[in-house]
Protein backbone atom coordinates (compact mmCIF):
# COMPACT_ATOMS: atom_id res chain seq x y z
CA MET A 1 41.56 209.64 20.14
CA GLY A 2 43.97 211.75 18.10
CA TYR A 3 46.01 208.64 17.35
CA LEU A 4 42.93 206.89 15.95
CA LEU A 5 42.11 209.88 13.73
CA THR A 6 45.68 209.99 12.41
CA ALA A 7 45.72 206.25 11.76
CA GLY A 8 42.35 206.48 10.00
CA SER A 9 43.47 209.32 7.76
CA ASN A 10 46.67 207.46 6.89
CA PHE A 11 44.65 204.39 6.01
CA THR A 12 42.32 206.44 3.81
CA ALA A 13 45.25 208.10 2.03
CA GLU A 14 46.95 204.76 1.44
CA SER A 15 43.70 203.28 0.14
CA LEU A 16 43.24 206.16 -2.28
CA GLN A 17 46.84 205.83 -3.45
CA THR A 18 46.40 202.08 -3.92
CA PHE A 19 43.16 202.63 -5.83
CA PHE A 20 44.73 205.29 -8.07
CA ALA A 21 47.73 203.05 -8.78
CA SER A 22 45.33 200.33 -9.97
CA THR A 23 43.57 202.61 -12.45
CA GLY A 24 44.57 203.26 -16.02
CA PHE A 25 45.23 206.91 -15.24
CA ALA A 26 48.37 205.96 -13.31
CA GLY A 27 49.81 204.03 -16.24
CA ALA A 28 48.90 206.51 -18.98
CA THR A 29 51.72 207.75 -21.17
CA TRP A 30 51.89 210.56 -23.70
CA GLY A 31 51.86 207.86 -26.38
CA ASN A 32 48.54 206.52 -25.08
CA ILE A 33 47.05 210.00 -24.98
CA ILE A 34 48.16 210.78 -28.55
CA MET A 35 46.77 207.48 -29.90
CA ILE A 36 43.46 208.01 -28.11
CA CYS A 37 43.25 211.43 -29.78
CA VAL A 38 44.02 209.82 -33.16
CA ALA A 39 41.25 207.27 -32.52
CA PHE A 40 38.78 210.08 -31.76
CA PHE A 41 39.84 211.88 -34.96
CA LEU A 42 39.25 208.75 -37.06
CA LEU A 43 35.87 208.26 -35.38
CA TYR A 44 35.06 211.86 -36.33
CA LEU A 45 35.98 211.18 -39.99
CA ALA A 46 33.91 207.99 -40.02
CA ILE A 47 30.81 209.47 -38.37
CA LYS A 48 30.79 213.08 -39.54
CA HIS A 49 32.31 212.75 -43.01
CA LYS A 50 31.45 209.06 -43.65
CA PHE A 51 34.99 208.06 -44.71
CA GLU A 52 34.66 204.28 -45.19
CA PRO A 53 32.60 204.20 -41.97
CA LEU A 54 31.96 200.44 -41.91
CA LEU A 55 35.62 199.73 -41.28
CA LEU A 56 37.12 203.04 -40.21
CA LEU A 57 34.74 203.27 -37.24
CA THR A 58 35.59 199.78 -35.98
CA ILE A 59 39.32 200.28 -36.62
CA ALA A 60 39.25 203.53 -34.67
CA PHE A 61 37.40 201.94 -31.76
CA GLY A 62 39.86 199.05 -31.69
CA MET A 63 42.66 201.63 -31.62
CA LEU A 64 40.93 203.32 -28.68
CA LEU A 65 40.59 200.06 -26.72
CA THR A 66 44.18 198.91 -27.23
CA ASN A 67 45.57 202.25 -25.99
CA LEU A 68 43.58 202.34 -22.75
CA PRO A 69 46.26 201.65 -20.11
CA GLY A 70 45.64 198.61 -17.96
CA ALA A 71 42.75 197.22 -20.01
CA GLY A 72 44.91 194.33 -21.22
CA MET A 73 42.72 193.59 -24.24
CA PHE A 74 45.56 193.16 -26.75
CA HIS A 75 49.15 192.02 -26.23
CA ALA A 76 51.51 192.51 -29.17
CA SER A 77 54.04 190.24 -27.42
CA LEU A 78 51.82 187.22 -28.15
CA PHE A 79 52.44 187.80 -31.86
CA ALA A 80 56.06 188.94 -31.68
CA ASP A 81 58.49 188.05 -34.49
CA GLY A 82 55.60 187.17 -36.80
CA HIS A 83 54.64 184.05 -34.82
CA VAL A 84 51.70 183.17 -32.60
CA HIS A 85 53.07 182.28 -29.15
CA TRP A 86 50.40 179.77 -28.21
CA GLU A 87 52.12 178.81 -24.95
CA HIS A 88 51.27 182.20 -23.43
CA PHE A 89 47.65 182.40 -24.58
CA VAL A 90 46.07 180.57 -21.63
CA ASN A 91 47.28 183.01 -18.97
CA ASP A 92 48.04 186.25 -20.81
CA ALA A 93 45.58 186.66 -23.71
CA GLY A 94 42.85 189.30 -23.75
CA LEU A 95 39.64 189.45 -25.79
CA LEU A 96 41.20 191.15 -28.81
CA ASP A 97 44.11 188.68 -28.82
CA TYR A 98 41.68 185.85 -29.54
CA LEU A 99 39.77 187.84 -32.15
CA TYR A 100 43.06 188.87 -33.81
CA LEU A 101 43.77 185.24 -34.65
CA GLY A 102 41.26 185.62 -37.50
CA VAL A 103 43.53 188.30 -39.01
CA LYS A 104 46.79 186.54 -38.23
CA LEU A 105 45.62 183.27 -39.77
CA GLY A 106 44.17 185.02 -42.85
CA ILE A 107 40.56 184.06 -42.09
CA TYR A 108 38.74 187.42 -42.01
CA PRO A 109 40.04 188.86 -45.32
CA CYS A 110 39.11 185.66 -47.16
CA LEU A 111 35.60 185.65 -45.67
CA ILE A 112 35.18 189.28 -46.71
CA PHE A 113 36.23 188.33 -50.24
CA ILE A 114 33.37 185.82 -50.36
CA GLY A 115 30.99 188.68 -49.61
CA VAL A 116 32.71 190.98 -52.10
CA GLY A 117 32.39 188.31 -54.79
CA ALA A 118 28.69 187.91 -54.06
CA MET A 119 28.18 191.66 -54.49
CA THR A 120 30.27 191.98 -57.68
CA ASP A 121 28.94 191.93 -61.22
CA PHE A 122 31.68 190.82 -63.61
CA GLY A 123 29.39 191.42 -66.60
CA PRO A 124 31.13 194.63 -67.79
CA LEU A 125 34.50 192.88 -67.59
CA ILE A 126 33.25 189.85 -69.54
CA ALA A 127 31.68 192.13 -72.16
CA ASN A 128 34.94 194.02 -72.63
CA PRO A 129 37.93 191.76 -71.82
CA LYS A 130 40.32 194.64 -72.60
CA SER A 131 39.34 195.93 -69.18
CA PHE A 132 41.62 193.27 -67.73
CA LEU A 133 44.60 195.16 -69.17
CA LEU A 134 43.48 198.43 -67.59
CA GLY A 135 42.97 196.71 -64.25
CA ALA A 136 46.43 195.18 -64.49
CA ALA A 137 48.04 198.50 -65.44
CA ALA A 138 46.62 200.14 -62.35
CA GLN A 139 48.59 197.68 -60.20
CA ILE A 140 51.86 199.23 -61.37
CA GLY A 141 51.67 201.54 -58.36
CA ILE A 142 52.07 198.50 -56.08
CA PHE A 143 55.36 197.39 -57.60
CA LEU A 144 56.86 200.85 -58.10
CA THR A 145 56.10 201.71 -54.48
CA PHE A 146 57.61 198.39 -53.40
CA ILE A 147 60.85 199.45 -55.07
CA GLY A 148 60.67 202.92 -53.50
CA ALA A 149 59.97 201.61 -50.00
CA TYR A 150 62.84 199.14 -50.27
CA ALA A 151 65.14 201.96 -51.38
CA LEU A 152 64.12 203.93 -48.28
CA GLY A 153 65.34 201.17 -45.99
CA PHE A 154 62.28 199.02 -45.40
CA THR A 155 62.79 195.26 -45.56
CA PRO A 156 61.49 193.50 -48.70
CA ALA A 157 58.54 192.09 -46.74
CA GLN A 158 57.66 195.51 -45.32
CA ALA A 159 58.09 197.16 -48.72
CA GLY A 160 55.71 194.65 -50.29
CA SER A 161 53.11 195.32 -47.60
CA ILE A 162 53.40 199.08 -48.12
CA GLY A 163 53.17 198.73 -51.89
CA ILE A 164 49.87 196.84 -51.73
CA ILE A 165 48.21 200.05 -50.47
CA GLY A 166 48.32 201.13 -54.11
CA GLY A 167 45.76 198.46 -54.97
CA ALA A 168 43.13 200.39 -52.94
CA ASP A 169 41.84 197.07 -51.60
CA GLY A 170 41.61 197.00 -47.82
CA PRO A 171 41.09 193.25 -47.24
CA THR A 172 43.97 192.39 -49.60
CA ALA A 173 46.26 194.88 -47.85
CA ILE A 174 45.37 193.39 -44.47
CA TYR A 175 45.81 189.82 -45.72
CA LEU A 176 49.24 190.44 -47.21
CA THR A 177 50.50 192.56 -44.32
CA SER A 178 49.39 189.99 -41.74
CA LYS A 179 51.55 187.45 -43.58
CA LEU A 180 54.60 189.58 -44.41
CA ALA A 181 54.86 192.45 -41.91
CA PRO A 182 52.30 192.19 -39.07
CA GLU A 183 54.15 194.90 -37.14
CA LEU A 184 52.95 197.39 -39.79
CA LEU A 185 49.33 196.22 -39.86
CA GLY A 186 47.87 199.21 -37.99
CA PRO A 187 49.29 202.06 -40.09
CA ILE A 188 48.88 200.15 -43.38
CA ALA A 189 45.22 199.35 -42.67
CA VAL A 190 44.47 202.94 -41.68
CA ALA A 191 46.25 204.21 -44.81
CA ALA A 192 44.51 201.74 -47.12
CA TYR A 193 41.00 202.53 -45.93
CA SER A 194 41.60 206.27 -45.58
CA TYR A 195 42.83 206.55 -49.15
CA MET A 196 39.93 204.43 -50.41
CA ALA A 197 37.61 207.01 -48.85
CA LEU A 198 39.62 209.82 -50.46
CA VAL A 199 39.29 208.47 -54.02
CA PRO A 200 37.12 211.44 -55.11
CA VAL A 201 39.81 213.79 -53.81
CA ILE A 202 43.01 212.05 -54.95
CA GLN A 203 42.06 210.78 -58.40
CA PRO A 204 40.45 213.70 -60.32
CA PRO A 205 43.55 215.98 -60.40
CA ILE A 206 45.67 213.09 -61.72
CA MET A 207 43.05 212.15 -64.30
CA ARG A 208 42.75 215.72 -65.58
CA ALA A 209 46.51 216.25 -65.66
CA LEU A 210 47.08 213.19 -67.85
CA THR A 211 44.22 213.67 -70.33
CA THR A 212 43.05 216.32 -72.77
CA LYS A 213 39.57 217.80 -72.89
CA LYS A 214 38.94 215.90 -76.13
CA GLU A 215 39.99 212.57 -74.58
CA ARG A 216 37.76 213.10 -71.55
CA ALA A 217 34.79 213.73 -73.84
CA ILE A 218 35.16 210.43 -75.77
CA LYS A 219 31.85 208.55 -75.89
CA MET A 220 32.06 204.76 -75.81
CA SER A 221 29.60 202.39 -77.49
CA GLN A 222 27.20 200.38 -75.39
CA LEU A 223 28.49 197.10 -73.98
CA ARG A 224 27.12 193.87 -75.38
CA PRO A 225 24.72 191.78 -73.26
CA VAL A 226 26.40 189.00 -71.25
CA SER A 227 24.66 185.64 -70.99
CA LYS A 228 23.98 183.81 -67.73
CA THR A 229 26.19 180.93 -68.89
CA GLU A 230 29.14 183.30 -69.33
CA LYS A 231 28.61 184.71 -65.85
CA ILE A 232 28.56 181.23 -64.31
CA LEU A 233 31.63 180.01 -66.19
CA PHE A 234 33.68 183.14 -65.48
CA PRO A 235 34.36 182.55 -61.74
CA LEU A 236 35.11 178.89 -62.38
CA VAL A 237 37.60 179.57 -65.16
CA ILE A 238 39.30 182.45 -63.33
CA ALA A 239 39.59 180.49 -60.06
CA VAL A 240 41.21 177.53 -61.81
CA ILE A 241 43.59 179.47 -64.08
CA ILE A 242 44.87 181.94 -61.47
CA SER A 243 45.18 179.31 -58.74
CA LEU A 244 47.21 177.07 -61.04
CA LEU A 245 49.44 179.92 -62.22
CA LEU A 246 49.83 181.50 -58.79
CA PRO A 247 48.91 179.14 -55.91
CA SER A 248 49.66 181.79 -53.26
CA ALA A 249 46.75 183.87 -54.63
CA ALA A 250 44.32 180.94 -54.39
CA PRO A 251 42.82 181.82 -50.96
CA LEU A 252 41.75 185.32 -52.01
CA ILE A 253 40.81 184.53 -55.61
CA GLY A 254 39.07 181.29 -54.63
CA CYS A 255 36.91 183.04 -52.02
CA LEU A 256 36.15 185.94 -54.37
CA MET A 257 35.00 183.60 -57.12
CA LEU A 258 33.04 181.37 -54.73
CA GLY A 259 30.99 184.37 -53.65
CA ASN A 260 30.44 185.40 -57.27
CA LEU A 261 29.37 181.90 -58.27
CA MET A 262 26.83 181.91 -55.42
CA LYS A 263 25.40 185.12 -56.84
CA GLU A 264 25.33 184.12 -60.51
CA CYS A 265 24.25 180.47 -60.36
CA GLY A 266 20.83 181.37 -58.93
CA VAL A 267 20.34 178.17 -56.91
CA VAL A 268 21.76 179.27 -53.53
CA GLU A 269 20.06 182.61 -53.07
CA ARG A 270 19.92 182.18 -49.29
CA LEU A 271 23.67 181.63 -49.10
CA SER A 272 24.34 184.55 -51.42
CA LYS A 273 22.26 186.92 -49.29
CA THR A 274 23.90 185.62 -46.11
CA VAL A 275 27.47 186.24 -47.28
CA GLN A 276 26.50 189.67 -48.64
CA ASN A 277 24.87 190.77 -45.39
CA GLU A 278 25.09 188.82 -42.11
CA LEU A 279 28.48 187.14 -42.66
CA MET A 280 30.03 190.26 -44.20
CA ASN A 281 28.82 192.49 -41.36
CA ILE A 282 30.03 190.16 -38.60
CA VAL A 283 33.47 189.72 -40.14
CA VAL A 284 33.84 193.46 -40.77
CA ILE A 285 33.28 194.10 -37.05
CA PHE A 286 35.88 191.53 -35.98
CA LEU A 287 38.36 192.57 -38.66
CA GLY A 288 38.13 196.29 -37.98
CA ILE A 289 38.36 196.16 -34.21
CA THR A 290 41.32 193.74 -34.20
CA VAL A 291 43.25 195.59 -36.91
CA GLY A 292 42.74 198.78 -34.91
CA ALA A 293 44.07 196.96 -31.83
CA THR A 294 47.48 196.60 -33.49
CA ALA A 295 47.84 200.40 -33.64
CA THR A 296 49.59 200.75 -30.31
CA ALA A 297 51.60 203.86 -29.45
CA GLU A 298 54.86 201.93 -29.90
CA ALA A 299 53.87 200.73 -33.38
CA PHE A 300 52.23 203.93 -34.62
CA ILE A 301 54.08 206.98 -33.30
CA ASN A 302 57.30 207.00 -35.32
CA LEU A 303 58.74 208.33 -38.57
CA ARG A 304 58.16 204.95 -40.19
CA THR A 305 54.40 205.42 -39.92
CA LEU A 306 54.63 208.85 -41.57
CA SER A 307 56.69 207.29 -44.38
CA ILE A 308 54.02 204.61 -44.86
CA LEU A 309 51.26 207.21 -45.15
CA MET A 310 53.27 209.20 -47.72
CA LEU A 311 54.20 206.11 -49.72
CA GLY A 312 50.56 205.02 -49.69
CA VAL A 313 49.49 208.24 -51.41
CA ILE A 314 52.24 207.80 -53.99
CA ALA A 315 51.22 204.18 -54.62
CA PHE A 316 47.60 205.15 -55.09
CA GLY A 317 48.48 208.02 -57.41
CA MET A 318 50.76 205.88 -59.58
CA GLY A 319 48.09 203.18 -59.82
CA THR A 320 45.60 205.77 -61.05
CA ALA A 321 48.11 207.13 -63.56
CA GLY A 322 49.02 203.64 -64.79
CA GLY A 323 45.46 202.85 -65.83
CA VAL A 324 44.93 206.21 -67.55
CA LEU A 325 48.21 206.04 -69.47
CA LEU A 326 47.59 202.49 -70.72
CA ALA A 327 44.16 203.52 -72.01
CA LYS A 328 45.82 206.38 -73.93
CA LEU A 329 48.37 203.95 -75.34
CA MET A 330 45.67 201.49 -76.43
CA ASN A 331 43.91 204.28 -78.32
CA LEU A 332 46.91 204.56 -80.65
CA PHE A 333 46.09 201.13 -82.09
CA VAL A 334 42.29 201.28 -82.51
CA LYS A 335 39.90 203.01 -84.88
CA ASP A 336 38.19 206.25 -83.92
CA ASP A 337 34.84 204.55 -83.27
CA LYS A 338 36.52 202.08 -80.86
CA LYS A 339 38.42 204.65 -78.82
CA ILE A 340 38.59 204.17 -75.05
CA ASN A 341 37.90 207.08 -72.78
CA PRO A 342 41.13 207.19 -70.71
CA LEU A 343 39.15 208.20 -67.65
CA ILE A 344 37.96 204.63 -67.17
CA GLY A 345 41.58 203.49 -66.76
CA SER A 346 41.74 205.22 -63.38
CA ALA A 347 39.02 202.85 -62.14
CA GLY A 348 41.55 200.02 -62.37
CA VAL A 349 42.34 200.56 -58.70
CA SER A 350 39.95 198.28 -56.87
CA ALA A 351 37.98 200.82 -54.82
CA VAL A 352 34.64 199.41 -55.96
CA PRO A 353 32.43 201.15 -57.02
CA MET A 354 33.75 204.57 -55.94
CA ALA A 355 36.54 204.73 -58.53
CA ALA A 356 34.08 203.91 -61.32
CA ARG A 357 31.78 206.69 -60.13
CA VAL A 358 34.66 209.17 -60.22
CA SER A 359 35.31 208.21 -63.87
CA GLN A 360 31.63 208.77 -64.62
CA LEU A 361 31.54 212.19 -62.95
CA GLU A 362 34.72 213.41 -64.62
CA GLY A 363 33.47 212.25 -68.02
CA GLN A 364 30.14 214.04 -67.62
CA LYS A 365 31.89 217.30 -66.76
CA GLU A 366 33.28 217.38 -70.31
CA ASN A 367 30.30 215.79 -72.02
CA PRO A 368 27.00 215.73 -70.09
CA SER A 369 25.62 213.01 -72.36
CA ASN A 370 28.55 210.70 -71.63
CA PHE A 371 27.80 207.57 -69.62
CA LEU A 372 30.99 205.83 -68.53
CA LEU A 373 29.87 204.04 -65.37
CA MET A 374 29.38 200.56 -66.82
CA HIS A 375 32.53 200.87 -68.94
CA ALA A 376 34.49 201.92 -65.84
CA MET A 377 33.10 198.99 -63.83
CA GLY A 378 35.06 196.63 -66.11
CA PRO A 379 38.52 197.90 -65.03
CA ASN A 380 37.16 198.43 -61.51
CA VAL A 381 36.29 194.77 -60.89
CA ALA A 382 39.40 193.73 -62.84
CA GLY A 383 41.35 195.72 -60.27
CA VAL A 384 39.91 193.54 -57.48
CA VAL A 385 41.29 190.47 -59.23
CA GLY A 386 44.52 192.31 -60.11
CA SER A 387 45.27 193.39 -56.54
CA ALA A 388 44.71 189.83 -55.29
CA VAL A 389 47.07 188.53 -57.98
CA ALA A 390 49.64 191.20 -57.06
CA ALA A 391 49.38 190.14 -53.42
CA GLY A 392 49.90 186.54 -54.47
CA ILE A 393 53.01 187.46 -56.46
CA LEU A 394 54.49 189.38 -53.52
CA LEU A 395 53.61 186.60 -51.10
CA SER A 396 55.17 183.91 -53.29
CA TYR A 397 58.47 185.81 -53.54
CA LEU A 398 58.65 187.41 -50.10
CA GLY A 399 56.66 185.11 -47.82
């Protein structure tokens, strides 16, 4: 009888040990625990403080899933060396591996750009074409940060991916990084969307430091009305010109302008509403959760990630400064009644429409009767085009 009790207890102990060894608890590492804590922190920012919640929440949850030991939902080895290892997909792939193909193949960012185009009004830019220059100036942060990242030891492809954070355009950053440096996709995506959410915190001190009280109080004349014909022709002309000059930018620019044409032509209202809502929402879910899945402990917990976060702030700050300084320079060559309020230059980073709202708020602090929002929307939407063009330039040289 005693022998049977001993054998039974041994069997129970072995069963418990076998069960425990099969759980994720047995395979948990400090890296997994740290990344799970980071995921919870990002979820807190998205839910409590509403920092870009549409994407930050899904990115954080994808980060949580990929760092659960034993779940096997994402395998970085299937995308090692920048290639998709199709031969291993049948037996080894998890759910997020299949969804990640939309990022790796550049599908999700382009679909999001269709939705962005359908929600964008290029009227202020058409009414004041000088806004194109301010939007272009704000992209200087991308190229200066590229040089800085390269000087710090990053490869040219990695430096280009880090620099694009300065464009404050999440889908563009994801698109370029997935092509040039997929191993950095997690930290770059988190940095890009975090800094977009922090626009009201990062930009105002830079704007005030580079302008005088008198400059911030400049009132600008009302923009001229833009005809429907102009709004229809604009996406067609821009898509053709930029795609011919820079073919590598055609996927992003083409999708952006397709969405805008759907909105402005007035004959496909159903399609326009679909890409603004249902399609956009579905793609955002897939994009966020799969980008978050790339933030494994091995890829995220290192000094390189900290460098990326620091360089991202620098890129964003220099982009803001570039737009403001060009506006000040342009004022040297125009009459007093045509002066540009330099605050709208900061909106050249493509965080639409948050950057334009920051320009409006800062302008009203100096002059309560000032209304800069529509003027700032010109450089703001120009920045969307500018960041896509910058990504195309980097891709054509580094891809």
